[in-house]
């Protein structure tokens, strides 16, 4: 399984309203984006590769159950380490913005 299949599987365990890198025409959806590799190099060789990225949830629900569902999906994966960042309320759009930073490791 590739690193991106691990991330896609975690998100789609919650919903199919998921986008890679772009906004959706919906008031409730996830967007995920990889940011950088975090390689382990020993003796000049790649020993292991990890990918760092973020997931954003845009929702009109203050305590959206998708937050807990995504965290359970991350925890269920053997390959994803994560942390939830501070949520923000966007008053002009009346949308809650939740964000996670994750790292995928040990995938093909």
PDB file of N, CA and C in Angstrom:
ATOM      1  N   UNK A   1       0.846  -1.180   0.000  1.00  0.00           N
ATOM      2  CA  UNK A   1       0.000   0.000   0.000  1.00  0.00           C
ATOM      3  C   UNK A   1       0.893   1.246   0.000  1.00  0.00           C
ATOM      4  N   UNK A   2       0.571   2.221  -0.815  1.00  0.00           N
ATOM      5  CA  UNK A   2       1.345   3.459  -0.879  1.00  0.00           C
ATOM      6  C   UNK A   2       0.942   4.396   0.261  1.00  0.00           C
ATOM      7  N   UNK A   3       1.765   5.424   0.500  1.00  0.00           N
ATOM      8  CA  UNK A   3       1.459   6.373   1.570  1.00  0.00           C
ATOM      9  C   UNK A   3       0.139   7.086   1.303  1.00  0.00           C
ATOM     10  N   UNK A   4      -0.118   7.430   0.031  1.00  0.00           N
ATOM     11  CA  UNK A   4      -1.345   8.167  -0.261  1.00  0.00           C
ATOM     12  C   UNK A   4      -2.582   7.276  -0.158  1.00  0.00           C
ATOM     13  N   UNK A   5      -2.427   5.982  -0.416  1.00  0.00           N
ATOM     14  CA  UNK A   5      -3.556   5.073  -0.194  1.00  0.00           C
ATOM     15  C   UNK A   5      -3.900   4.987   1.289  1.00  0.00           C
ATOM     16  N   UNK A   6      -2.891   5.025   2.156  1.00  0.00           N
ATOM     17  CA  UNK A   6      -3.131   5.034   3.609  1.00  0.00           C
ATOM     18  C   UNK A   6      -3.943   6.260   4.004  1.00  0.00           C
ATOM     19  N   UNK A   7      -3.570   7.427   3.495  1.00  0.00           N
ATOM     20  CA  UNK A   7      -4.271   8.672   3.830  1.00  0.00           C
ATOM     21  C   UNK A   7      -5.672   8.678   3.235  1.00  0.00           C
ATOM     22  N   UNK A   8      -5.796   8.300   1.989  1.00  0.00           N
ATOM     23  CA  UNK A   8      -7.122   8.267   1.350  1.00  0.00           C
ATOM     24  C   UNK A   8      -8.046   7.315   2.102  1.00  0.00           C
ATOM     25  N   UNK A   9      -7.548   6.134   2.470  1.00  0.00           N
ATOM     26  CA  UNK A   9      -8.367   5.169   3.197  1.00  0.00           C
ATOM     27  C   UNK A   9      -8.864   5.729   4.526  1.00  0.00           C
ATOM     28  N   UNK A  10      -8.009   6.441   5.245  1.00  0.00           N
ATOM     29  CA  UNK A  10      -8.418   7.024   6.532  1.00  0.00           C
ATOM     30  C   UNK A  10      -9.543   8.036   6.336  1.00  0.00           C
ATOM     31  N   UNK A  11      -9.426   8.874   5.324  1.00  0.00           N
ATOM     32  CA  UNK A  11     -10.451   9.893   5.077  1.00  0.00           C
ATOM     33  C   UNK A  11     -11.756   9.273   4.576  1.00  0.00           C
ATOM     34  N   UNK A  12     -11.650   8.348   3.643  1.00  0.00           N
ATOM     35  CA  UNK A  12     -12.870   7.761   3.083  1.00  0.00           C
ATOM     36  C   UNK A  12     -13.548   6.788   4.048  1.00  0.00           C
ATOM     37  N   UNK A  13     -12.878   6.438   5.141  1.00  0.00           N
ATOM     38  CA  UNK A  13     -13.542   5.680   6.205  1.00  0.00           C
ATOM     39  C   UNK A  13     -14.594   6.555   6.894  1.00  0.00           C
ATOM     40  N   UNK A  14     -14.456   7.874   6.760  1.00  0.00           N
ATOM     41  CA  UNK A  14     -15.390   8.831   7.366  1.00  0.00           C
ATOM     42  C   UNK A  14     -16.437   9.295   6.357  1.00  0.00           C
ATOM     43  N   UNK A  15     -15.994   9.674   5.158  1.00  0.00           N
ATOM     44  CA  UNK A  15     -16.899  10.222   4.147  1.00  0.00           C
ATOM     45  C   UNK A  15     -16.237  10.181   2.775  1.00  0.00           C
ATOM     46  N   UNK A  16     -17.054  10.311   1.741  1.00  0.00           N
ATOM     47  CA  UNK A  16     -16.491  10.450   0.395  1.00  0.00           C
ATOM     48  C   UNK A  16     -16.336  11.922   0.011  1.00  0.00           C
ATOM     49  N   UNK A  17     -16.686  12.820   0.902  1.00  0.00           N
ATOM     50  CA  UNK A  17     -16.508  14.253   0.645  1.00  0.00           C
ATOM     51  C   UNK A  17     -15.085  14.657   1.040  1.00  0.00           C
ATOM     52  N   UNK A  18     -14.150  14.223   0.204  1.00  0.00           N
ATOM     53  CA  UNK A  18     -12.722  14.415   0.450  1.00  0.00           C
ATOM     54  C   UNK A  18     -12.077  14.906  -0.832  1.00  0.00           C
ATOM     55  N   UNK A  19     -11.203  15.887  -0.693  1.00  0.00           N
ATOM     56  CA  UNK A  19     -10.490  16.418  -1.849  1.00  0.00           C
ATOM     57  C   UNK A  19      -8.994  16.431  -1.564  1.00  0.00           C
ATOM     58  N   UNK A  20      -8.213  16.212  -2.584  1.00  0.00           N
ATOM     59  CA  UNK A  20      -6.762  16.332  -2.482  1.00  0.00           C
ATOM     60  C   UNK A  20      -6.361  17.710  -2.967  1.00  0.00           C
ATOM     61  N   UNK A  21      -6.144  18.608  -2.037  1.00  0.00           N
ATOM     62  CA  UNK A  21      -5.589  19.911  -2.354  1.00  0.00           C
ATOM     63  C   UNK A  21      -6.536  20.995  -2.801  1.00  0.00           C
ATOM     64  N   UNK A  22      -7.820  20.737  -2.942  1.00  0.00           N
ATOM     65  CA  UNK A  22      -8.716  21.780  -3.436  1.00  0.00           C
ATOM     66  C   UNK A  22     -10.030  21.837  -2.691  1.00  0.00           C
ATOM     67  N   UNK A  23     -10.628  23.000  -2.687  1.00  0.00           N
ATOM     68  CA  UNK A  23     -11.922  23.200  -2.036  1.00  0.00           C
ATOM     69  C   UNK A  23     -13.012  22.470  -2.807  1.00  0.00           C
ATOM     70  N   UNK A  24     -14.078  22.148  -2.096  1.00  0.00           N
ATOM     71  CA  UNK A  24     -15.235  21.505  -2.708  1.00  0.00           C
ATOM     72  C   UNK A  24     -16.442  22.431  -2.574  1.00  0.00           C
ATOM     73  N   UNK A  25     -17.422  22.236  -3.409  1.00  0.00           N
ATOM     74  CA  UNK A  25     -18.656  23.015  -3.327  1.00  0.00           C
ATOM     75  C   UNK A  25     -19.591  22.320  -2.343  1.00  0.00           C
ATOM     76  N   UNK A  26     -19.274  22.477  -1.087  1.00  0.00           N
ATOM     77  CA  UNK A  26     -20.031  21.852  -0.013  1.00  0.00           C
ATOM     78  C   UNK A  26     -19.745  22.637   1.258  1.00  0.00           C
ATOM     79  N   UNK A  27     -20.643  22.560   2.225  1.00  0.00           N
ATOM     80  CA  UNK A  27     -20.402  23.233   3.498  1.00  0.00           C
ATOM     81  C   UNK A  27     -19.772  22.296   4.525  1.00  0.00           C
ATOM     82  N   UNK A  28     -19.435  21.056   4.077  1.00  0.00           N
ATOM     83  CA  UNK A  28     -18.827  20.094   4.990  1.00  0.00           C
ATOM     84  C   UNK A  28     -17.969  19.134   4.173  1.00  0.00           C
ATOM     85  N   UNK A  29     -16.640  19.252   4.332  1.00  0.00           N
ATOM     86  CA  UNK A  29     -15.740  18.390   3.568  1.00  0.00           C
ATOM     87  C   UNK A  29     -14.329  18.445   4.136  1.00  0.00           C
ATOM     88  N   UNK A  30     -13.543  17.420   3.792  1.00  0.00           N
ATOM     89  CA  UNK A  30     -12.129  17.353   4.127  1.00  0.00           C
ATOM     90  C   UNK A  30     -11.298  17.720   2.903  1.00  0.00           C
ATOM     91  N   UNK A  31     -10.171  18.370   3.160  1.00  0.00           N
ATOM     92  CA  UNK A  31      -9.137  18.582   2.149  1.00  0.00           C
ATOM     93  C   UNK A  31      -7.825  18.115   2.765  1.00  0.00           C
ATOM     94  N   UNK A  32      -7.120  17.249   2.065  1.00  0.00           N
ATOM     95  CA  UNK A  32      -5.808  16.842   2.550  1.00  0.00           C
ATOM     96  C   UNK A  32      -4.740  17.244   1.546  1.00  0.00           C
ATOM     97  N   UNK A  33      -3.525  17.475   2.052  1.00  0.00           N
ATOM     98  CA  UNK A  33      -2.420  17.901   1.196  1.00  0.00           C
ATOM     99  C   UNK A  33      -1.103  17.457   1.807  1.00  0.00           C
ATOM    100  N   UNK A  34      -0.297  16.795   1.027  1.00  0.00           N
ATOM    101  CA  UNK A  34       1.047  16.458   1.490  1.00  0.00           C
ATOM    102  C   UNK A  34       1.906  17.710   1.437  1.00  0.00           C
ATOM    103  N   UNK A  35       2.889  17.770   2.346  1.00  0.00           N
ATOM    104  CA  UNK A  35       3.740  18.958   2.416  1.00  0.00           C
ATOM    105  C   UNK A  35       5.198  18.651   2.127  1.00  0.00           C
ATOM    106  N   UNK A  36       5.711  17.579   2.719  1.00  0.00           N
ATOM    107  CA  UNK A  36       7.143  17.315   2.550  1.00  0.00           C
ATOM    108  C   UNK A  36       7.464  15.878   2.935  1.00  0.00           C
ATOM    109  N   UNK A  37       8.485  15.323   2.315  1.00  0.00           N
ATOM    110  CA  UNK A  37       8.972  14.028   2.790  1.00  0.00           C
ATOM    111  C   UNK A  37       9.831  14.231   4.036  1.00  0.00           C
ATOM    112  N   UNK A  38       9.914  13.225   4.846  1.00  0.00           N
ATOM    113  CA  UNK A  38      10.751  13.225   6.049  1.00  0.00           C
ATOM    114  C   UNK A  38      11.505  11.908   6.028  1.00  0.00           C
ATOM    115  N   UNK A  39      12.567  11.876   5.237  1.00  0.00           N
ATOM    116  CA  UNK A  39      13.285  10.633   4.985  1.00  0.00           C
ATOM    117  C   UNK A  39      14.294  10.323   6.079  1.00  0.00           C
ATOM    118  N   UNK A  40      14.433   9.022   6.349  1.00  0.00           N
ATOM    119  CA  UNK A  40      15.490   8.539   7.227  1.00  0.00           C
ATOM    120  C   UNK A  40      16.596   8.024   6.316  1.00  0.00           C
ATOM    121  N   UNK A  41      17.764   8.640   6.426  1.00  0.00           N
ATOM    122  CA  UNK A  41      18.895   8.279   5.574  1.00  0.00           C
ATOM    123  C   UNK A  41      20.018   7.753   6.454  1.00  0.00           C
ATOM    124  N   UNK A  42      20.551   6.607   6.084  1.00  0.00           N
ATOM    125  CA  UNK A  42      21.686   6.013   6.800  1.00  0.00           C
ATOM    126  C   UNK A  42      22.691   5.512   5.767  1.00  0.00           C
ATOM    127  N   UNK A  43      23.956   5.810   5.987  1.00  0.00           N
ATOM    128  CA  UNK A  43      25.018   5.415   5.064  1.00  0.00           C
ATOM    129  C   UNK A  43      24.721   5.861   3.640  1.00  0.00           C
ATOM    130  N   UNK A  44      24.119   7.046   3.495  1.00  0.00           N
ATOM    131  CA  UNK A  44      23.836   7.600   2.177  1.00  0.00           C
ATOM    132  C   UNK A  44      22.684   6.938   1.440  1.00  0.00           C
ATOM    133  N   UNK A  45      21.919   6.099   2.129  1.00  0.00           N
ATOM    134  CA  UNK A  45      20.797   5.407   1.495  1.00  0.00           C
ATOM    135  C   UNK A  45      19.496   5.746   2.209  1.00  0.00           C
ATOM    136  N   UNK A  46      18.419   5.769   1.423  1.00  0.00           N
ATOM    137  CA  UNK A  46      17.091   5.952   2.020  1.00  0.00           C
ATOM    138  C   UNK A  46      16.706   4.661   2.736  1.00  0.00           C
ATOM    139  N   UNK A  47      16.549   4.733   4.015  1.00  0.00           N
ATOM    140  CA  UNK A  47      16.153   3.571   4.802  1.00  0.00           C
ATOM    141  C   UNK A  47      14.636   3.525   4.924  1.00  0.00           C
ATOM    142  N   UNK A  48      14.053   4.689   5.162  1.00  0.00           N
ATOM    143  CA  UNK A  48      12.603   4.771   5.269  1.00  0.00           C
ATOM    144  C   UNK A  48      12.146   6.160   4.845  1.00  0.00           C
ATOM    145  N   UNK A  49      10.982   6.204   4.236  1.00  0.00           N
ATOM    146  CA  UNK A  49      10.404   7.472   3.810  1.00  0.00           C
ATOM    147  C   UNK A  49       9.104   7.687   4.562  1.00  0.00           C
ATOM    148  N   UNK A  50       8.929   8.903   5.032  1.00  0.00           N
ATOM    149  CA  UNK A  50       7.673   9.309   5.645  1.00  0.00           C
ATOM    150  C   UNK A  50       7.212  10.568   4.926  1.00  0.00           C
ATOM    151  N   UNK A  51       5.925  10.743   4.835  1.00  0.00           N
ATOM    152  CA  UNK A  51       5.356  11.929   4.204  1.00  0.00           C
ATOM    153  C   UNK A  51       4.577  12.699   5.253  1.00  0.00           C
ATOM    154  N   UNK A  52       4.833  13.995   5.326  1.00  0.00           N
ATOM    155  CA  UNK A  52       4.130  14.883   6.259  1.00  0.00           C
ATOM    156  C   UNK A  52       3.070  15.637   5.475  1.00  0.00           C
ATOM    157  N   UNK A  53       1.931  15.851   6.095  1.00  0.00           N
ATOM    158  CA  UNK A  53       0.875  16.607   5.448  1.00  0.00           C
ATOM    159  C   UNK A  53      -0.143  17.112   6.443  1.00  0.00           C
ATOM    160  N   UNK A  54      -1.201  17.694   5.911  1.00  0.00           N
ATOM    161  CA  UNK A  54      -2.274  18.223   6.740  1.00  0.00           C
ATOM    162  C   UNK A  54      -3.626  17.836   6.154  1.00  0.00           C
ATOM    163  N   UNK A  55      -4.593  17.816   7.027  1.00  0.00           N
ATOM    164  CA  UNK A  55      -5.989  17.648   6.646  1.00  0.00           C
ATOM    165  C   UNK A  55      -6.768  18.792   7.257  1.00  0.00           C
ATOM    166  N   UNK A  56      -7.654  19.382   6.468  1.00  0.00           N
ATOM    167  CA  UNK A  56      -8.535  20.444   6.944  1.00  0.00           C
ATOM    168  C   UNK A  56      -9.975  19.973   6.802  1.00  0.00           C
ATOM    169  N   UNK A  57     -10.765  20.221   7.819  1.00  0.00           N
ATOM    170  CA  UNK A  57     -12.198  19.974   7.766  1.00  0.00           C
ATOM    171  C   UNK A  57     -12.894  21.322   7.807  1.00  0.00           C
ATOM    172  N   UNK A  58     -13.696  21.586   6.806  1.00  0.00           N
ATOM    173  CA  UNK A  58     -14.524  22.789   6.753  1.00  0.00           C
ATOM    174  C   UNK A  58     -15.961  22.341   6.998  1.00  0.00           C
ATOM    175  N   UNK A  59     -16.598  22.925   8.021  1.00  0.00           N
ATOM    176  CA  UNK A  59     -17.922  22.472   8.420  1.00  0.00           C
ATOM    177  C   UNK A  59     -18.703  23.604   9.092  1.00  0.00           C
ATOM    178  N   UNK A  60     -20.003  23.531   8.993  1.00  0.00           N
ATOM    179  CA  UNK A  60     -20.843  24.511   9.686  1.00  0.00           C
ATOM    180  C   UNK A  60     -21.197  24.033  11.095  1.00  0.00           C
ATOM    181  N   UNK A  61     -20.753  22.828  11.461  1.00  0.00           N
ATOM    182  CA  UNK A  61     -21.051  22.248  12.772  1.00  0.00           C
ATOM    183  C   UNK A  61     -19.925  22.535  13.756  1.00  0.00           C
ATOM    184  N   UNK A  62     -20.269  23.131  14.891  1.00  0.00           N
ATOM    185  CA  UNK A  62     -19.256  23.484  15.889  1.00  0.00           C
ATOM    186  C   UNK A  62     -18.547  22.254  16.459  1.00  0.00           C
ATOM    187  N   UNK A  63     -19.276  21.231  16.789  1.00  0.00           N
ATOM    188  CA  UNK A  63     -18.685  20.002  17.326  1.00  0.00           C
ATOM    189  C   UNK A  63     -18.968  18.864  16.349  1.00  0.00           C
ATOM    190  N   UNK A  64     -18.348  18.936  15.209  1.00  0.00           N
ATOM    191  CA  UNK A  64     -18.621  17.988  14.127  1.00  0.00           C
ATOM    192  C   UNK A  64     -18.125  16.591  14.496  1.00  0.00           C
ATOM    193  N   UNK A  65     -18.979  15.571  14.405  1.00  0.00           N
ATOM    194  CA  UNK A  65     -18.555  14.199  14.725  1.00  0.00           C
ATOM    195  C   UNK A  65     -17.515  13.645  13.756  1.00  0.00           C
ATOM    196  N   UNK A  66     -17.337  14.269  12.609  1.00  0.00           N
ATOM    197  CA  UNK A  66     -16.291  13.820  11.691  1.00  0.00           C
ATOM    198  C   UNK A  66     -14.903  13.992  12.296  1.00  0.00           C
ATOM    199  N   UNK A  67     -14.744  14.932  13.232  1.00  0.00           N
ATOM    200  CA  UNK A  67     -13.434  15.119  13.875  1.00  0.00           C
ATOM    201  C   UNK A  67     -13.013  13.842  14.590  1.00  0.00           C
ATOM    202  N   UNK A  68     -13.874  13.347  15.442  1.00  0.00           N
ATOM    203  CA  UNK A  68     -13.565  12.127  16.185  1.00  0.00           C
ATOM    204  C   UNK A  68     -13.464  10.924  15.245  1.00  0.00           C
ATOM    205  N   UNK A  69     -14.311  10.880  14.247  1.00  0.00           N
ATOM    206  CA  UNK A  69     -14.278   9.760  13.300  1.00  0.00           C
ATOM    207  C   UNK A  69     -12.952   9.730  12.532  1.00  0.00           C
ATOM    208  N   UNK A  70     -12.449  10.890  12.121  1.00  0.00           N
ATOM    209  CA  UNK A  70     -11.166  10.927  11.412  1.00  0.00           C
ATOM    210  C   UNK A  70     -10.035  10.489  12.337  1.00  0.00           C
ATOM    211  N   UNK A  71     -10.064  10.953  13.572  1.00  0.00           N
ATOM    212  CA  UNK A  71      -9.023  10.578  14.521  1.00  0.00           C
ATOM    213  C   UNK A  71      -9.038   9.071  14.785  1.00  0.00           C
ATOM    214  N   UNK A  72     -10.211   8.472  14.856  1.00  0.00           N
ATOM    215  CA  UNK A  72     -10.304   7.017  15.017  1.00  0.00           C
ATOM    216  C   UNK A  72      -9.750   6.302  13.789  1.00  0.00           C
ATOM    217  N   UNK A  73     -10.012   6.841  12.606  1.00  0.00           N
ATOM    218  CA  UNK A  73      -9.476   6.245  11.373  1.00  0.00           C
ATOM    219  C   UNK A  73      -7.958   6.371  11.321  1.00  0.00           C
ATOM    220  N   UNK A  74      -7.422   7.514  11.740  1.00  0.00           N
ATOM    221  CA  UNK A  74      -5.964   7.667  11.821  1.00  0.00           C
ATOM    222  C   UNK A  74      -5.387   6.642  12.803  1.00  0.00           C
ATOM    223  N   UNK A  75      -6.028   6.520  13.978  1.00  0.00           N
ATOM    224  CA  UNK A  75      -5.542   5.585  14.996  1.00  0.00           C
ATOM    225  C   UNK A  75      -5.603   4.134  14.521  1.00  0.00           C
ATOM    226  N   UNK A  76      -6.585   3.809  13.706  1.00  0.00           N
ATOM    227  CA  UNK A  76      -6.746   2.438  13.210  1.00  0.00           C
ATOM    228  C   UNK A  76      -5.649   2.057  12.223  1.00  0.00           C
ATOM    229  N   UNK A  77      -5.012   3.048  11.622  1.00  0.00           N
ATOM    230  CA  UNK A  77      -3.932   2.773  10.679  1.00  0.00           C
ATOM    231  C   UNK A  77      -2.634   2.523  11.442  1.00  0.00           C
ATOM    232  N   UNK A  78      -1.886   1.543  10.991  1.00  0.00           N
ATOM    233  CA  UNK A  78      -0.566   1.271  11.575  1.00  0.00           C
ATOM    234  C   UNK A  78       0.483   2.262  11.083  1.00  0.00           C
ATOM    235  N   UNK A  79       0.123   3.111  10.124  1.00  0.00           N
ATOM    236  CA  UNK A  79       1.116   3.918   9.437  1.00  0.00           C
ATOM    237  C   UNK A  79       0.950   5.427   9.611  1.00  0.00           C
ATOM    238  N   UNK A  80      -0.006   5.869  10.421  1.00  0.00           N
ATOM    239  CA  UNK A  80      -0.271   7.303  10.522  1.00  0.00           C
ATOM    240  C   UNK A  80      -0.095   7.788  11.955  1.00  0.00           C
ATOM    241  N   UNK A  81       0.772   8.777  12.129  1.00  0.00           N
ATOM    242  CA  UNK A  81       0.889   9.514  13.385  1.00  0.00           C
ATOM    243  C   UNK A  81       0.253  10.880  13.130  1.00  0.00           C
ATOM    244  N   UNK A  82      -0.420  11.448  14.138  1.00  0.00           N
ATOM    245  CA  UNK A  82      -1.161  12.681  13.887  1.00  0.00           C
ATOM    246  C   UNK A  82      -1.276  13.529  15.148  1.00  0.00           C
ATOM    247  N   UNK A  83      -1.629  14.794  14.933  1.00  0.00           N
ATOM    248  CA  UNK A  83      -2.003  15.697  16.023  1.00  0.00           C
ATOM    249  C   UNK A  83      -3.059  16.657  15.497  1.00  0.00           C
ATOM    250  N   UNK A  84      -4.008  17.019  16.365  1.00  0.00           N
ATOM    251  CA  UNK A  84      -5.020  18.003  15.972  1.00  0.00           C
ATOM    252  C   UNK A  84      -4.501  19.376  16.358  1.00  0.00           C
ATOM    253  N   UNK A  85      -4.636  20.315  15.454  1.00  0.00           N
ATOM    254  CA  UNK A  85      -4.223  21.689  15.690  1.00  0.00           C
ATOM    255  C   UNK A  85      -5.425  22.503  16.159  1.00  0.00           C
ATOM    256  N   UNK A  86      -5.187  23.727  16.543  1.00  0.00           N
ATOM    257  CA  UNK A  86      -6.249  24.571  17.092  1.00  0.00           C
ATOM    258  C   UNK A  86      -7.327  24.861  16.047  1.00  0.00           C
ATOM    259  N   UNK A  87      -8.605  24.620  16.400  1.00  0.00           N
ATOM    260  CA  UNK A  87      -9.688  24.932  15.454  1.00  0.00           C
ATOM    261  C   UNK A  87      -9.890  26.442  15.341  1.00  0.00           C
ATOM    262  N   UNK A  88     -10.445  26.848  14.221  1.00  0.00           N
ATOM    263  CA  UNK A  88     -10.721  28.263  13.995  1.00  0.00           C
ATOM    264  C   UNK A  88     -12.166  28.413  13.534  1.00  0.00           C
ATOM    265  N   UNK A  89     -12.789  29.502  13.930  1.00  0.00           N
ATOM    266  CA  UNK A  89     -14.120  29.821  13.430  1.00  0.00           C
ATOM    267  C   UNK A  89     -13.981  30.996  12.482  1.00  0.00           C
ATOM    268  N   UNK A  90     -14.423  30.822  11.253  1.00  0.00           N
ATOM    269  CA  UNK A  90     -14.340  31.880  10.251  1.00  0.00           C
ATOM    270  C   UNK A  90     -15.679  32.624  10.249  1.00  0.00           C
ATOM    271  N   UNK A  91     -15.719  33.730  10.972  1.00  0.00           N
ATOM    272  CA  UNK A  91     -16.975  34.459  11.202  1.00  0.00           C
ATOM    273  C   UNK A  91     -17.618  34.957   9.909  1.00  0.00           C
ATOM    274  N   UNK A  92     -16.810  35.347   8.930  1.00  0.00           N
ATOM    275  CA  UNK A  92     -17.381  35.879   7.686  1.00  0.00           C
ATOM    276  C   UNK A  92     -18.141  34.812   6.893  1.00  0.00           C
ATOM    277  N   UNK A  93     -17.695  33.547   6.975  1.00  0.00           N
ATOM    278  CA  UNK A  93     -18.379  32.465   6.249  1.00  0.00           C
ATOM    279  C   UNK A  93     -19.219  31.581   7.173  1.00  0.00           C
ATOM    280  N   UNK A  94     -19.078  31.789   8.483  1.00  0.00           N
ATOM    281  CA  UNK A  94     -19.765  30.974   9.500  1.00  0.00           C
ATOM    282  C   UNK A  94     -19.391  29.496   9.376  1.00  0.00           C
ATOM    283  N   UNK A  95     -18.120  29.267   9.088  1.00  0.00           N
ATOM    284  CA  UNK A  95     -17.599  27.910   8.912  1.00  0.00           C
ATOM    285  C   UNK A  95     -16.539  27.632   9.983  1.00  0.00           C
ATOM    286  N   UNK A  96     -16.618  26.450  10.569  1.00  0.00           N
ATOM    287  CA  UNK A  96     -15.577  25.969  11.470  1.00  0.00           C
ATOM    288  C   UNK A  96     -14.497  25.305  10.632  1.00  0.00           C
ATOM    289  N   UNK A  97     -13.261  25.564  10.998  1.00  0.00           N
ATOM    290  CA  UNK A  97     -12.111  25.036  10.281  1.00  0.00           C
ATOM    291  C   UNK A  97     -11.258  24.259  11.284  1.00  0.00           C
ATOM    292  N   UNK A  98     -11.289  22.933  11.157  1.00  0.00           N
ATOM    293  CA  UNK A  98     -10.472  22.065  11.995  1.00  0.00           C
ATOM    294  C   UNK A  98      -9.285  21.596  11.170  1.00  0.00           C
ATOM    295  N   UNK A  99      -8.157  21.371  11.843  1.00  0.00           N
ATOM    296  CA  UNK A  99      -6.950  21.003  11.100  1.00  0.00           C
ATOM    297  C   UNK A  99      -6.133  19.969  11.866  1.00  0.00           C
ATOM    298  N   UNK A 100      -5.579  19.024  11.111  1.00  0.00           N
ATOM    299  CA  UNK A 100      -4.692  17.996  11.648  1.00  0.00           C
ATOM    300  C   UNK A 100      -3.383  18.003  10.880  1.00  0.00           C
ATOM    301  N   UNK A 101      -2.304  17.737  11.573  1.00  0.00           N
ATOM    302  CA  UNK A 101      -1.006  17.483  10.938  1.00  0.00           C
ATOM    303  C   UNK A 101      -0.753  15.986  11.102  1.00  0.00           C
ATOM    304  N   UNK A 102      -0.342  15.335  10.035  1.00  0.00           N
ATOM    305  CA  UNK A 102      -0.101  13.904  10.080  1.00  0.00           C
ATOM    306  C   UNK A 102       1.208  13.548   9.401  1.00  0.00           C
ATOM    307  N   UNK A 103       1.653  12.351   9.699  1.00  0.00           N
ATOM    308  CA  UNK A 103       2.834  11.793   9.051  1.00  0.00           C
ATOM    309  C   UNK A 103       2.532  10.333   8.746  1.00  0.00           C
ATOM    310  N   UNK A 104       2.766   9.945   7.502  1.00  0.00           N
ATOM    311  CA  UNK A 104       2.564   8.567   7.070  1.00  0.00           C
ATOM    312  C   UNK A 104       3.931   7.931   6.897  1.00  0.00           C
ATOM    313  N   UNK A 105       4.117   6.767   7.507  1.00  0.00           N
ATOM    314  CA  UNK A 105       5.414   6.088   7.461  1.00  0.00           C
ATOM    315  C   UNK A 105       5.190   4.587   7.286  1.00  0.00           C
ATOM    316  N   UNK A 106       6.194   3.927   6.792  1.00  0.00           N
ATOM    317  CA  UNK A 106       6.155   2.473   6.682  1.00  0.00           C
ATOM    318  C   UNK A 106       5.277   1.920   5.586  1.00  0.00           C
ATOM    319  N   UNK A 107       4.878   2.738   4.647  1.00  0.00           N
ATOM    320  CA  UNK A 107       4.093   2.263   3.507  1.00  0.00           C
ATOM    321  C   UNK A 107       5.023   2.072   2.314  1.00  0.00           C
ATOM    322  N   UNK A 108       4.570   1.299   1.328  1.00  0.00           N
ATOM    323  CA  UNK A 108       5.357   0.980   0.133  1.00  0.00           C
ATOM    324  C   UNK A 108       5.922   2.076  -0.576  1.00  0.00           C
TER     325      UNK A 108
END
